[in-house]
Amino acid sequence: MAMFAKQFSGSKMLSKQAIEEFQEIYLKTYGRELSFDDAAEQAHQLIRFLKFALGYPLDYQTKDVNDE
């Protein structure tokens, strides 16, 4: 889950690894496999919801550690 959270902190695009991790989490939680495209869409929706719930503007981006 750490990779998934880190990927979304400063990027609008999720890495393949982050989406695959989301697929694994979804499978373990709900017992249902998601296609890569469905997982990517649901992951983006989840992040948008979390940003909203935490009070971040939806276009808010943090500075990536690698960008320094």
PDB file of N, CA and C in Angstrom:
ATOM      1  N   MET A   1       0.826  -1.196   0.000  1.00  0.00           N
ATOM      2  CA  MET A   1       0.000   0.000   0.000  1.00  0.00           C
ATOM      3  C   MET A   1       0.863   1.250   0.000  1.00  0.00           C
ATOM      4  N   ALA A   2       2.055   1.176   0.540  1.00  0.00           N
ATOM      5  CA  ALA A   2       2.924   2.344   0.612  1.00  0.00           C
ATOM      6  C   ALA A   2       3.262   2.866  -0.781  1.00  0.00           C
ATOM      7  N   MET A   3       3.564   1.976  -1.711  1.00  0.00           N
ATOM      8  CA  MET A   3       3.889   2.401  -3.075  1.00  0.00           C
ATOM      9  C   MET A   3       2.699   3.111  -3.698  1.00  0.00           C
ATOM     10  N   PHE A   4       1.494   2.569  -3.479  1.00  0.00           N
ATOM     11  CA  PHE A   4       0.294   3.164  -4.032  1.00  0.00           C
ATOM     12  C   PHE A   4       0.111   4.586  -3.513  1.00  0.00           C
ATOM     13  N   ALA A   5       0.248   4.776  -2.221  1.00  0.00           N
ATOM     14  CA  ALA A   5       0.077   6.104  -1.628  1.00  0.00           C
ATOM     15  C   ALA A   5       1.155   7.060  -2.116  1.00  0.00           C
ATOM     16  N   LYS A   6       2.400   6.608  -2.189  1.00  0.00           N
ATOM     17  CA  LYS A   6       3.491   7.468  -2.628  1.00  0.00           C
ATOM     18  C   LYS A   6       3.294   7.890  -4.079  1.00  0.00           C
ATOM     19  N   GLN A   7       2.837   6.983  -4.920  1.00  0.00           N
ATOM     20  CA  GLN A   7       2.657   7.292  -6.334  1.00  0.00           C
ATOM     21  C   GLN A   7       1.651   8.406  -6.532  1.00  0.00           C
ATOM     22  N   PHE A   8       0.652   8.460  -5.685  1.00  0.00           N
ATOM     23  CA  PHE A   8      -0.373   9.459  -5.902  1.00  0.00           C
ATOM     24  C   PHE A   8      -0.063  10.775  -5.241  1.00  0.00           C
ATOM     25  N   SER A   9       0.928  10.833  -4.383  1.00  0.00           N
ATOM     26  CA  SER A   9       1.180  12.061  -3.655  1.00  0.00           C
ATOM     27  C   SER A   9       1.609  13.197  -4.567  1.00  0.00           C
ATOM     28  N   GLY A  10       2.295  12.918  -5.648  1.00  0.00           N
ATOM     29  CA  GLY A  10       2.761  14.009  -6.479  1.00  0.00           C
ATOM     30  C   GLY A  10       2.533  13.820  -7.959  1.00  0.00           C
ATOM     31  N   SER A  11       1.687  12.887  -8.321  1.00  0.00           N
ATOM     32  CA  SER A  11       1.528  12.579  -9.730  1.00  0.00           C
ATOM     33  C   SER A  11       0.076  12.284 -10.051  1.00  0.00           C
ATOM     34  N   LYS A  12      -0.361  12.733 -11.234  1.00  0.00           N
ATOM     35  CA  LYS A  12      -1.712  12.399 -11.675  1.00  0.00           C
ATOM     36  C   LYS A  12      -1.750  11.020 -12.311  1.00  0.00           C
ATOM     37  N   MET A  13      -0.623  10.510 -12.711  1.00  0.00           N
ATOM     38  CA  MET A  13      -0.558   9.192 -13.325  1.00  0.00           C
ATOM     39  C   MET A  13       0.014   8.198 -12.330  1.00  0.00           C
ATOM     40  N   LEU A  14      -0.622   7.065 -12.247  1.00  0.00           N
ATOM     41  CA  LEU A  14      -0.110   5.997 -11.388  1.00  0.00           C
ATOM     42  C   LEU A  14       0.816   5.108 -12.195  1.00  0.00           C
ATOM     43  N   SER A  15       1.829   4.590 -11.535  1.00  0.00           N
ATOM     44  CA  SER A  15       2.729   3.664 -12.219  1.00  0.00           C
ATOM     45  C   SER A  15       2.030   2.320 -12.383  1.00  0.00           C
ATOM     46  N   LYS A  16       2.555   1.522 -13.282  1.00  0.00           N
ATOM     47  CA  LYS A  16       2.033   0.175 -13.496  1.00  0.00           C
ATOM     48  C   LYS A  16       2.098  -0.611 -12.189  1.00  0.00           C
ATOM     49  N   GLN A  17       3.198  -0.465 -11.470  1.00  0.00           N
ATOM     50  CA  GLN A  17       3.384  -1.167 -10.201  1.00  0.00           C
ATOM     51  C   GLN A  17       2.314  -0.758  -9.182  1.00  0.00           C
ATOM     52  N   ALA A  18       1.997   0.513  -9.110  1.00  0.00           N
ATOM     53  CA  ALA A  18       0.994   0.996  -8.161  1.00  0.00           C
ATOM     54  C   ALA A  18      -0.387   0.440  -8.500  1.00  0.00           C
ATOM     55  N   ILE A  19      -0.721   0.387  -9.774  1.00  0.00           N
ATOM     56  CA  ILE A  19      -2.023  -0.144 -10.188  1.00  0.00           C
ATOM     57  C   ILE A  19      -2.093  -1.638  -9.910  1.00  0.00           C
ATOM     58  N   GLU A  20      -1.012  -2.345 -10.170  1.00  0.00           N
ATOM     59  CA  GLU A  20      -0.979  -3.780  -9.876  1.00  0.00           C
ATOM     60  C   GLU A  20      -1.121  -4.027  -8.374  1.00  0.00           C
ATOM     61  N   GLU A  21      -0.518  -3.164  -7.576  1.00  0.00           N
ATOM     62  CA  GLU A  21      -0.658  -3.281  -6.125  1.00  0.00           C
ATOM     63  C   GLU A  21      -2.104  -3.033  -5.715  1.00  0.00           C
ATOM     64  N   PHE A  22      -2.750  -2.064  -6.339  1.00  0.00           N
ATOM     65  CA  PHE A  22      -4.159  -1.808  -6.066  1.00  0.00           C
ATOM     66  C   PHE A  22      -4.999  -3.028  -6.437  1.00  0.00           C
ATOM     67  N   GLN A  23      -4.685  -3.670  -7.582  1.00  0.00           N
ATOM     68  CA  GLN A  23      -5.401  -4.881  -7.982  1.00  0.00           C
ATOM     69  C   GLN A  23      -5.277  -5.971  -6.909  1.00  0.00           C
ATOM     70  N   GLU A  24      -4.083  -6.141  -6.367  1.00  0.00           N
ATOM     71  CA  GLU A  24      -3.860  -7.152  -5.325  1.00  0.00           C
ATOM     72  C   GLU A  24      -4.671  -6.838  -4.071  1.00  0.00           C
ATOM     73  N   ILE A  25      -4.651  -5.582  -3.663  1.00  0.00           N
ATOM     74  CA  ILE A  25      -5.397  -5.170  -2.475  1.00  0.00           C
ATOM     75  C   ILE A  25      -6.888  -5.390  -2.693  1.00  0.00           C
ATOM     76  N   TYR A  26      -7.372  -5.026  -3.860  1.00  0.00           N
ATOM     77  CA  TYR A  26      -8.790  -5.194  -4.178  1.00  0.00           C
ATOM     78  C   TYR A  26      -9.179  -6.671  -4.152  1.00  0.00           C
ATOM     79  N   LEU A  27      -8.348  -7.517  -4.737  1.00  0.00           N
ATOM     80  CA  LEU A  27      -8.610  -8.957  -4.762  1.00  0.00           C
ATOM     81  C   LEU A  27      -8.649  -9.523  -3.341  1.00  0.00           C
ATOM     82  N   LYS A  28      -7.691  -9.141  -2.514  1.00  0.00           N
ATOM     83  CA  LYS A  28      -7.654  -9.637  -1.129  1.00  0.00           C
ATOM     84  C   LYS A  28      -8.845  -9.130  -0.327  1.00  0.00           C
ATOM     85  N   THR A  29      -9.276  -7.915  -0.592  1.00  0.00           N
ATOM     86  CA  THR A  29     -10.355  -7.310   0.179  1.00  0.00           C
ATOM     87  C   THR A  29     -11.729  -7.796  -0.262  1.00  0.00           C
ATOM     88  N   TYR A  30     -11.949  -7.837  -1.589  1.00  0.00           N
ATOM     89  CA  TYR A  30     -13.285  -8.140  -2.117  1.00  0.00           C
ATOM     90  C   TYR A  30     -13.398  -9.505  -2.786  1.00  0.00           C
ATOM     91  N   GLY A  31     -12.276 -10.209  -2.970  1.00  0.00           N
ATOM     92  CA  GLY A  31     -12.314 -11.523  -3.596  1.00  0.00           C
ATOM     93  C   GLY A  31     -12.684 -11.494  -5.060  1.00  0.00           C
ATOM     94  N   ARG A  32     -12.448 -10.370  -5.704  1.00  0.00           N
ATOM     95  CA  ARG A  32     -12.797 -10.202  -7.112  1.00  0.00           C
ATOM     96  C   ARG A  32     -11.630  -9.546  -7.848  1.00  0.00           C
ATOM     97  N   GLU A  33     -11.292 -10.084  -9.013  1.00  0.00           N
ATOM     98  CA  GLU A  33     -10.204  -9.503  -9.793  1.00  0.00           C
ATOM     99  C   GLU A  33     -10.723  -8.349 -10.642  1.00  0.00           C
ATOM    100  N   LEU A  34      -9.887  -7.330 -10.766  1.00  0.00           N
ATOM    101  CA  LEU A  34     -10.190  -6.188 -11.630  1.00  0.00           C
ATOM    102  C   LEU A  34      -9.241  -6.211 -12.819  1.00  0.00           C
ATOM    103  N   SER A  35      -9.745  -5.796 -13.974  1.00  0.00           N
ATOM    104  CA  SER A  35      -8.846  -5.618 -15.113  1.00  0.00           C
ATOM    105  C   SER A  35      -7.918  -4.446 -14.800  1.00  0.00           C
ATOM    106  N   PHE A  36      -6.840  -4.346 -15.539  1.00  0.00           N
ATOM    107  CA  PHE A  36      -5.888  -3.260 -15.313  1.00  0.00           C
ATOM    108  C   PHE A  36      -6.579  -1.904 -15.472  1.00  0.00           C
ATOM    109  N   ASP A  37      -7.381  -1.758 -16.522  1.00  0.00           N
ATOM    110  CA  ASP A  37      -8.069  -0.480 -16.762  1.00  0.00           C
ATOM    111  C   ASP A  37      -9.066  -0.152 -15.661  1.00  0.00           C
ATOM    112  N   ASP A  38      -9.828  -1.156 -15.219  1.00  0.00           N
ATOM    113  CA  ASP A  38     -10.778  -0.923 -14.133  1.00  0.00           C
ATOM    114  C   ASP A  38     -10.058  -0.552 -12.836  1.00  0.00           C
ATOM    115  N   ALA A  39      -8.952  -1.239 -12.570  1.00  0.00           N
ATOM    116  CA  ALA A  39      -8.174  -0.944 -11.361  1.00  0.00           C
ATOM    117  C   ALA A  39      -7.629   0.479 -11.417  1.00  0.00           C
ATOM    118  N   ALA A  40      -7.128   0.893 -12.557  1.00  0.00           N
ATOM    119  CA  ALA A  40      -6.596   2.249 -12.698  1.00  0.00           C
ATOM    120  C   ALA A  40      -7.700   3.278 -12.459  1.00  0.00           C
ATOM    121  N   GLU A  41      -8.859   3.055 -13.036  1.00  0.00           N
ATOM    122  CA  GLU A  41      -9.980   3.985 -12.866  1.00  0.00           C
ATOM    123  C   GLU A  41     -10.416   4.048 -11.404  1.00  0.00           C
ATOM    124  N   GLN A  42     -10.571   2.904 -10.765  1.00  0.00           N
ATOM    125  CA  GLN A  42     -11.006   2.896  -9.369  1.00  0.00           C
ATOM    126  C   GLN A  42      -9.957   3.496  -8.446  1.00  0.00           C
ATOM    127  N   ALA A  43      -8.697   3.263  -8.732  1.00  0.00           N
ATOM    128  CA  ALA A  43      -7.625   3.852  -7.926  1.00  0.00           C
ATOM    129  C   ALA A  43      -7.665   5.375  -8.024  1.00  0.00           C
ATOM    130  N   HIS A  44      -7.853   5.898  -9.222  1.00  0.00           N
ATOM    131  CA  HIS A  44      -7.939   7.347  -9.401  1.00  0.00           C
ATOM    132  C   HIS A  44      -9.153   7.911  -8.664  1.00  0.00           C
ATOM    133  N   GLN A  45     -10.273   7.202  -8.734  1.00  0.00           N
ATOM    134  CA  GLN A  45     -11.463   7.666  -8.025  1.00  0.00           C
ATOM    135  C   GLN A  45     -11.252   7.647  -6.512  1.00  0.00           C
ATOM    136  N   LEU A  46     -10.579   6.625  -6.026  1.00  0.00           N
ATOM    137  CA  LEU A  46     -10.289   6.537  -4.597  1.00  0.00           C
ATOM    138  C   LEU A  46      -9.422   7.709  -4.149  1.00  0.00           C
ATOM    139  N   ILE A  47      -8.401   8.020  -4.922  1.00  0.00           N
ATOM    140  CA  ILE A  47      -7.516   9.123  -4.563  1.00  0.00           C
ATOM    141  C   ILE A  47      -8.258  10.458  -4.594  1.00  0.00           C
ATOM    142  N   ARG A  48      -9.093  10.649  -5.601  1.00  0.00           N
ATOM    143  CA  ARG A  48      -9.893  11.878  -5.655  1.00  0.00           C
ATOM    144  C   ARG A  48     -10.778  11.994  -4.412  1.00  0.00           C
ATOM    145  N   PHE A  49     -11.385  10.883  -4.004  1.00  0.00           N
ATOM    146  CA  PHE A  49     -12.217  10.899  -2.809  1.00  0.00           C
ATOM    147  C   PHE A  49     -11.390  11.228  -1.570  1.00  0.00           C
ATOM    148  N   LEU A  50     -10.236  10.598  -1.440  1.00  0.00           N
ATOM    149  CA  LEU A  50      -9.389  10.854  -0.274  1.00  0.00           C
ATOM    150  C   LEU A  50      -8.926  12.302  -0.231  1.00  0.00           C
ATOM    151  N   LYS A  51      -8.555  12.854  -1.368  1.00  0.00           N
ATOM    152  CA  LYS A  51      -8.168  14.267  -1.401  1.00  0.00           C
ATOM    153  C   LYS A  51      -9.334  15.140  -0.950  1.00  0.00           C
ATOM    154  N   PHE A  52     -10.530  14.830  -1.435  1.00  0.00           N
ATOM    155  CA  PHE A  52     -11.715  15.587  -1.048  1.00  0.00           C
ATOM    156  C   PHE A  52     -11.964  15.469   0.452  1.00  0.00           C
ATOM    157  N   ALA A  53     -11.917  14.225   0.964  1.00  0.00           N
ATOM    158  CA  ALA A  53     -12.187  13.986   2.379  1.00  0.00           C
ATOM    159  C   ALA A  53     -11.161  14.668   3.278  1.00  0.00           C
ATOM    160  N   LEU A  54      -9.926  14.755   2.811  1.00  0.00           N
ATOM    161  CA  LEU A  54      -8.873  15.384   3.603  1.00  0.00           C
ATOM    162  C   LEU A  54      -8.825  16.897   3.415  1.00  0.00           C
ATOM    163  N   GLY A  55      -9.614  17.411   2.487  1.00  0.00           N
ATOM    164  CA  GLY A  55      -9.688  18.843   2.281  1.00  0.00           C
ATOM    165  C   GLY A  55      -8.685  19.413   1.301  1.00  0.00           C
ATOM    166  N   TYR A  56      -8.018  18.548   0.542  1.00  0.00           N
ATOM    167  CA  TYR A  56      -7.085  19.030  -0.476  1.00  0.00           C
ATOM    168  C   TYR A  56      -7.870  19.485  -1.701  1.00  0.00           C
ATOM    169  N   PRO A  57      -7.417  20.536  -2.365  1.00  0.00           N
ATOM    170  CA  PRO A  57      -8.010  20.840  -3.673  1.00  0.00           C
ATOM    171  C   PRO A  57      -7.744  19.642  -4.593  1.00  0.00           C
ATOM    172  N   LEU A  58      -8.654  19.336  -5.484  1.00  0.00           N
ATOM    173  CA  LEU A  58      -8.501  18.149  -6.329  1.00  0.00           C
ATOM    174  C   LEU A  58      -7.289  18.231  -7.241  1.00  0.00           C
ATOM    175  N   ASP A  59      -6.787  19.431  -7.514  1.00  0.00           N
ATOM    176  CA  ASP A  59      -5.601  19.545  -8.364  1.00  0.00           C
ATOM    177  C   ASP A  59      -4.331  19.751  -7.543  1.00  0.00           C
ATOM    178  N   TYR A  60      -4.414  19.590  -6.212  1.00  0.00           N
ATOM    179  CA  TYR A  60      -3.258  19.765  -5.330  1.00  0.00           C
ATOM    180  C   TYR A  60      -2.199  18.700  -5.596  1.00  0.00           C
ATOM    181  N   GLN A  61      -0.951  19.123  -5.687  1.00  0.00           N
ATOM    182  CA  GLN A  61       0.144  18.179  -5.881  1.00  0.00           C
ATOM    183  C   GLN A  61       1.262  18.528  -4.907  1.00  0.00           C
ATOM    184  N   THR A  62       1.779  17.506  -4.260  1.00  0.00           N
ATOM    185  CA  THR A  62       2.929  17.712  -3.376  1.00  0.00           C
ATOM    186  C   THR A  62       4.199  17.573  -4.176  1.00  0.00           C
ATOM    187  N   LYS A  63       5.285  18.095  -3.633  1.00  0.00           N
ATOM    188  CA  LYS A  63       6.563  17.989  -4.310  1.00  0.00           C
ATOM    189  C   LYS A  63       7.136  16.600  -4.071  1.00  0.00           C
ATOM    190  N   ASP A  64       7.491  15.923  -5.133  1.00  0.00           N
ATOM    191  CA  ASP A  64       8.097  14.588  -5.032  1.00  0.00           C
ATOM    192  C   ASP A  64       9.519  14.697  -4.501  1.00  0.00           C
ATOM    193  N   VAL A  65       9.909  13.758  -3.676  1.00  0.00           N
ATOM    194  CA  VAL A  65      11.260  13.743  -3.119  1.00  0.00           C
ATOM    195  C   VAL A  65      12.287  13.659  -4.245  1.00  0.00           C
ATOM    196  N   ASN A  66      11.975  12.948  -5.298  1.00  0.00           N
ATOM    197  CA  ASN A  66      12.898  12.782  -6.436  1.00  0.00           C
ATOM    198  C   ASN A  66      13.069  14.052  -7.250  1.00  0.00           C
ATOM    199  N   ASP A  67      12.153  15.013  -7.096  1.00  0.00           N
ATOM    200  CA  ASP A  67      12.216  16.249  -7.872  1.00  0.00           C
ATOM    201  C   ASP A  67      13.178  17.278  -7.296  1.00  0.00           C
ATOM    202  N   GLU A  68      13.703  17.027  -6.107  1.00  0.00           N
ATOM    203  CA  GLU A  68      14.572  18.026  -5.451  1.00  0.00           C
ATOM    204  C   GLU A  68      15.888  18.189  -6.150  1.00  0.00           C
TER     205      GLU A  68
END
